[in-house]
C-alpha atoms as a PDB file:
ATOM      1  CA  UNK A   1     -11.434 -15.712 -10.989  1.00  0.00           C
ATOM      2  CA  UNK A   2     -13.029 -12.043 -10.300  1.00  0.00           C
ATOM      3  CA  UNK A   3     -10.329  -9.361 -11.139  1.00  0.00           C
ATOM      4  CA  UNK A   4     -10.479  -5.879  -9.489  1.00  0.00           C
ATOM      5  CA  UNK A   5      -9.326  -2.685 -11.124  1.00  0.00           C
ATOM      6  CA  UNK A   6      -6.579  -1.151  -9.060  1.00  0.00           C
ATOM      7  CA  UNK A   7      -6.289   2.651  -8.776  1.00  0.00           C
ATOM      8  CA  UNK A   8      -3.558   4.481  -6.870  1.00  0.00           C
ATOM      9  CA  UNK A   9      -4.584   7.738  -5.597  1.00  0.00           C
ATOM     10  CA  UNK A  10      -2.467  10.799  -5.954  1.00  0.00           C
ATOM     11  CA  UNK A  11      -1.758  10.673  -2.062  1.00  0.00           C
ATOM     12  CA  UNK A  12      -0.439   7.123  -2.308  1.00  0.00           C
ATOM     13  CA  UNK A  13       1.665   7.886  -5.503  1.00  0.00           C
ATOM     14  CA  UNK A  14       3.242  10.787  -3.719  1.00  0.00           C
ATOM     15  CA  UNK A  15       3.913   8.357  -0.653  1.00  0.00           C
ATOM     16  CA  UNK A  16       5.566   5.908  -2.971  1.00  0.00           C
ATOM     17  CA  UNK A  17       7.645   8.702  -4.810  1.00  0.00           C
ATOM     18  CA  UNK A  18       8.830  10.248  -1.444  1.00  0.00           C
ATOM     19  CA  UNK A  19       9.756   6.977  -0.099  1.00  0.00           C
ATOM     20  CA  UNK A  20      11.679   5.798  -3.278  1.00  0.00           C
ATOM     21  CA  UNK A  21      13.638   9.170  -3.191  1.00  0.00           C
ATOM     22  CA  UNK A  22      14.700   8.632   0.278  1.00  0.00           C
ATOM     23  CA  UNK A  23      15.675   5.099  -0.207  1.00  0.00           C
ATOM     24  CA  UNK A  24      17.544   6.107  -3.404  1.00  0.00           C
ATOM     25  CA  UNK A  25      19.732   8.545  -1.573  1.00  0.00           C
ATOM     26  CA  UNK A  26      20.398   5.960   0.974  1.00  0.00           C
ATOM     27  CA  UNK A  27      20.845   2.874  -1.334  1.00  0.00           C
ATOM     28  CA  UNK A  28      20.216   3.119  -4.943  1.00  0.00           C
ATOM     29  CA  UNK A  29      20.256  -0.487  -5.772  1.00  0.00           C
ATOM     30  CA  UNK A  30      17.647  -1.381  -2.973  1.00  0.00           C
ATOM     31  CA  UNK A  31      15.484   1.621  -4.107  1.00  0.00           C
ATOM     32  CA  UNK A  32      15.039   0.200  -7.409  1.00  0.00           C
ATOM     33  CA  UNK A  33      14.210  -3.334  -6.142  1.00  0.00           C
ATOM     34  CA  UNK A  34      11.928  -1.836  -3.596  1.00  0.00           C
ATOM     35  CA  UNK A  35      10.152   0.230  -6.092  1.00  0.00           C
ATOM     36  CA  UNK A  36       9.703  -2.909  -8.326  1.00  0.00           C
ATOM     37  CA  UNK A  37       8.571  -5.030  -5.463  1.00  0.00           C
ATOM     38  CA  UNK A  38       5.948  -2.524  -4.051  1.00  0.00           C
ATOM     39  CA  UNK A  39       4.394  -2.022  -7.552  1.00  0.00           C
ATOM     40  CA  UNK A  40       3.945  -5.849  -7.851  1.00  0.00           C
ATOM     41  CA  UNK A  41       2.361  -5.864  -4.435  1.00  0.00           C
ATOM     42  CA  UNK A  42       0.049  -3.232  -5.389  1.00  0.00           C
ATOM     43  CA  UNK A  43      -0.870  -4.663  -8.689  1.00  0.00           C
ATOM     44  CA  UNK A  44      -1.490  -8.097  -6.907  1.00  0.00           C
ATOM     45  CA  UNK A  45      -4.434  -6.567  -5.325  1.00  0.00           C
ATOM     46  CA  UNK A  46      -6.427  -7.084  -8.529  1.00  0.00           C
ATOM     47  CA  UNK A  47      -6.803 -10.749  -7.187  1.00  0.00           C
ATOM     48  CA  UNK A  48      -8.487 -11.411  -3.981  1.00  0.00           C
ATOM     49  CA  UNK A  49      -8.037  -8.063  -2.249  1.00  0.00           C
ATOM     50  CA  UNK A  50     -10.439  -9.287   0.403  1.00  0.00           C
ATOM     51  CA  UNK A  51      -8.152 -11.853   1.686  1.00  0.00           C
ATOM     52  CA  UNK A  52      -6.018  -9.042   3.278  1.00  0.00           C
ATOM     53  CA  UNK A  53      -6.818  -7.940   6.767  1.00  0.00           C
ATOM     54  CA  UNK A  54      -8.634  -4.977   7.938  1.00  0.00           C
ATOM     55  CA  UNK A  55      -6.069  -2.442   9.065  1.00  0.00           C
ATOM     56  CA  UNK A  56      -6.233  -1.521  12.840  1.00  0.00           C
ATOM     57  CA  UNK A  57      -6.911   1.964  11.794  1.00  0.00           C
ATOM     58  CA  UNK A  58     -10.019   1.108   9.862  1.00  0.00           C
ATOM     59  CA  UNK A  59     -12.200   1.911  12.806  1.00  0.00           C
ATOM     60  CA  UNK A  60     -11.384   5.431  12.415  1.00  0.00           C
ATOM     61  CA  UNK A  61     -12.597   5.689   9.045  1.00  0.00           C
ATOM     62  CA  UNK A  62     -16.069   5.674   7.272  1.00  0.00           C
ATOM     63  CA  UNK A  63     -15.356   2.705   5.267  1.00  0.00           C
ATOM     64  CA  UNK A  64     -13.305  -0.535   5.582  1.00  0.00           C
ATOM     65  CA  UNK A  65      -9.613   0.124   5.237  1.00  0.00           C
ATOM     66  CA  UNK A  66      -7.580  -2.921   4.516  1.00  0.00           C
ATOM     67  CA  UNK A  67      -3.895  -3.428   4.580  1.00  0.00           C
ATOM     68  CA  UNK A  68      -1.370  -5.399   2.440  1.00  0.00           C
ATOM     69  CA  UNK A  69       2.047  -5.796   3.702  1.00  0.00           C
ATOM     70  CA  UNK A  70       5.391  -5.565   1.754  1.00  0.00           C
ATOM     71  CA  UNK A  71       8.796  -6.422   2.792  1.00  0.00           C
ATOM     72  CA  UNK A  72      10.563  -8.274   5.813  1.00  0.00           C
ATOM     73  CA  UNK A  73      10.902  -7.450   9.427  1.00  0.00           C
ATOM     74  CA  UNK A  74       8.887  -4.330   9.797  1.00  0.00           C
ATOM     75  CA  UNK A  75       7.134  -4.278   6.525  1.00  0.00           C
ATOM     76  CA  UNK A  76       5.691  -1.460   4.423  1.00  0.00           C
ATOM     77  CA  UNK A  77       2.008  -1.070   4.863  1.00  0.00           C
ATOM     78  CA  UNK A  78      -0.348  -0.537   1.822  1.00  0.00           C
ATOM     79  CA  UNK A  79      -3.760   0.914   2.737  1.00  0.00           C
ATOM     80  CA  UNK A  80      -6.457   0.357   0.435  1.00  0.00           C
ATOM     81  CA  UNK A  81     -10.348   0.243   0.291  1.00  0.00           C
ATOM     82  CA  UNK A  82     -12.448  -1.815  -2.052  1.00  0.00           C
ATOM     83  CA  UNK A  83     -15.476  -0.108  -3.806  1.00  0.00           C
ATOM     84  CA  UNK A  84     -17.458  -2.497  -5.830  1.00  0.00           C
ATOM     85  CA  UNK A  85     -14.962  -4.099  -8.498  1.00  0.00           C
ATOM     86  CA  UNK A  86     -12.336  -1.353  -7.791  1.00  0.00           C
ATOM     87  CA  UNK A  87      -9.483  -1.186  -5.263  1.00  0.00           C
ATOM     88  CA  UNK A  88      -8.263   2.245  -4.215  1.00  0.00           C
ATOM     89  CA  UNK A  89      -4.696   2.564  -2.803  1.00  0.00           C
ATOM     90  CA  UNK A  90      -5.049   5.202  -0.411  1.00  0.00           C
ATOM     91  CA  UNK A  91      -1.673   5.464   1.335  1.00  0.00           C
ATOM     92  CA  UNK A  92       1.746   3.743   1.762  1.00  0.00           C
ATOM     93  CA  UNK A  93       3.763   4.053   4.735  1.00  0.00           C
ATOM     94  CA  UNK A  94       6.596   2.153   6.638  1.00  0.00           C
ATOM     95  CA  UNK A  95       5.483  -0.124   9.499  1.00  0.00           C
ATOM     96  CA  UNK A  96       7.707   1.902  12.051  1.00  0.00           C
ATOM     97  CA  UNK A  97       5.388   4.919  11.660  1.00  0.00           C
ATOM     98  CA  UNK A  98       2.480   5.468  13.966  1.00  0.00           C
ATOM     99  CA  UNK A  99      -0.942   4.593  13.058  1.00  0.00           C
ATOM    100  CA  UNK A 100      -2.624   6.402  10.175  1.00  0.00           C
ATOM    101  CA  UNK A 101      -5.424   8.799  11.201  1.00  0.00           C
ATOM    102  CA  UNK A 102      -8.088  10.331   8.982  1.00  0.00           C
END
């Protein structure tokens, strides 16, 4: 099976850090579990990233933007693009937030 290289952009890394800090202030035990889970989900993009749907926001961008979902209920959305054999994680945001715009 083809494996893709997964790169987390600085912007997405900041999204993850900020979310973790907020969660840690609210519920430290859950924050650690969330961080581990979101990392696992992101790393899973090395296999079959094209199996994830295009994000509704994709039409507003110059390239296809896909999304992977993490969590139950209103999940976290992991936005990424695929360039050749590389997956670029572009943004991570909670599903309650408005659509992401360029």
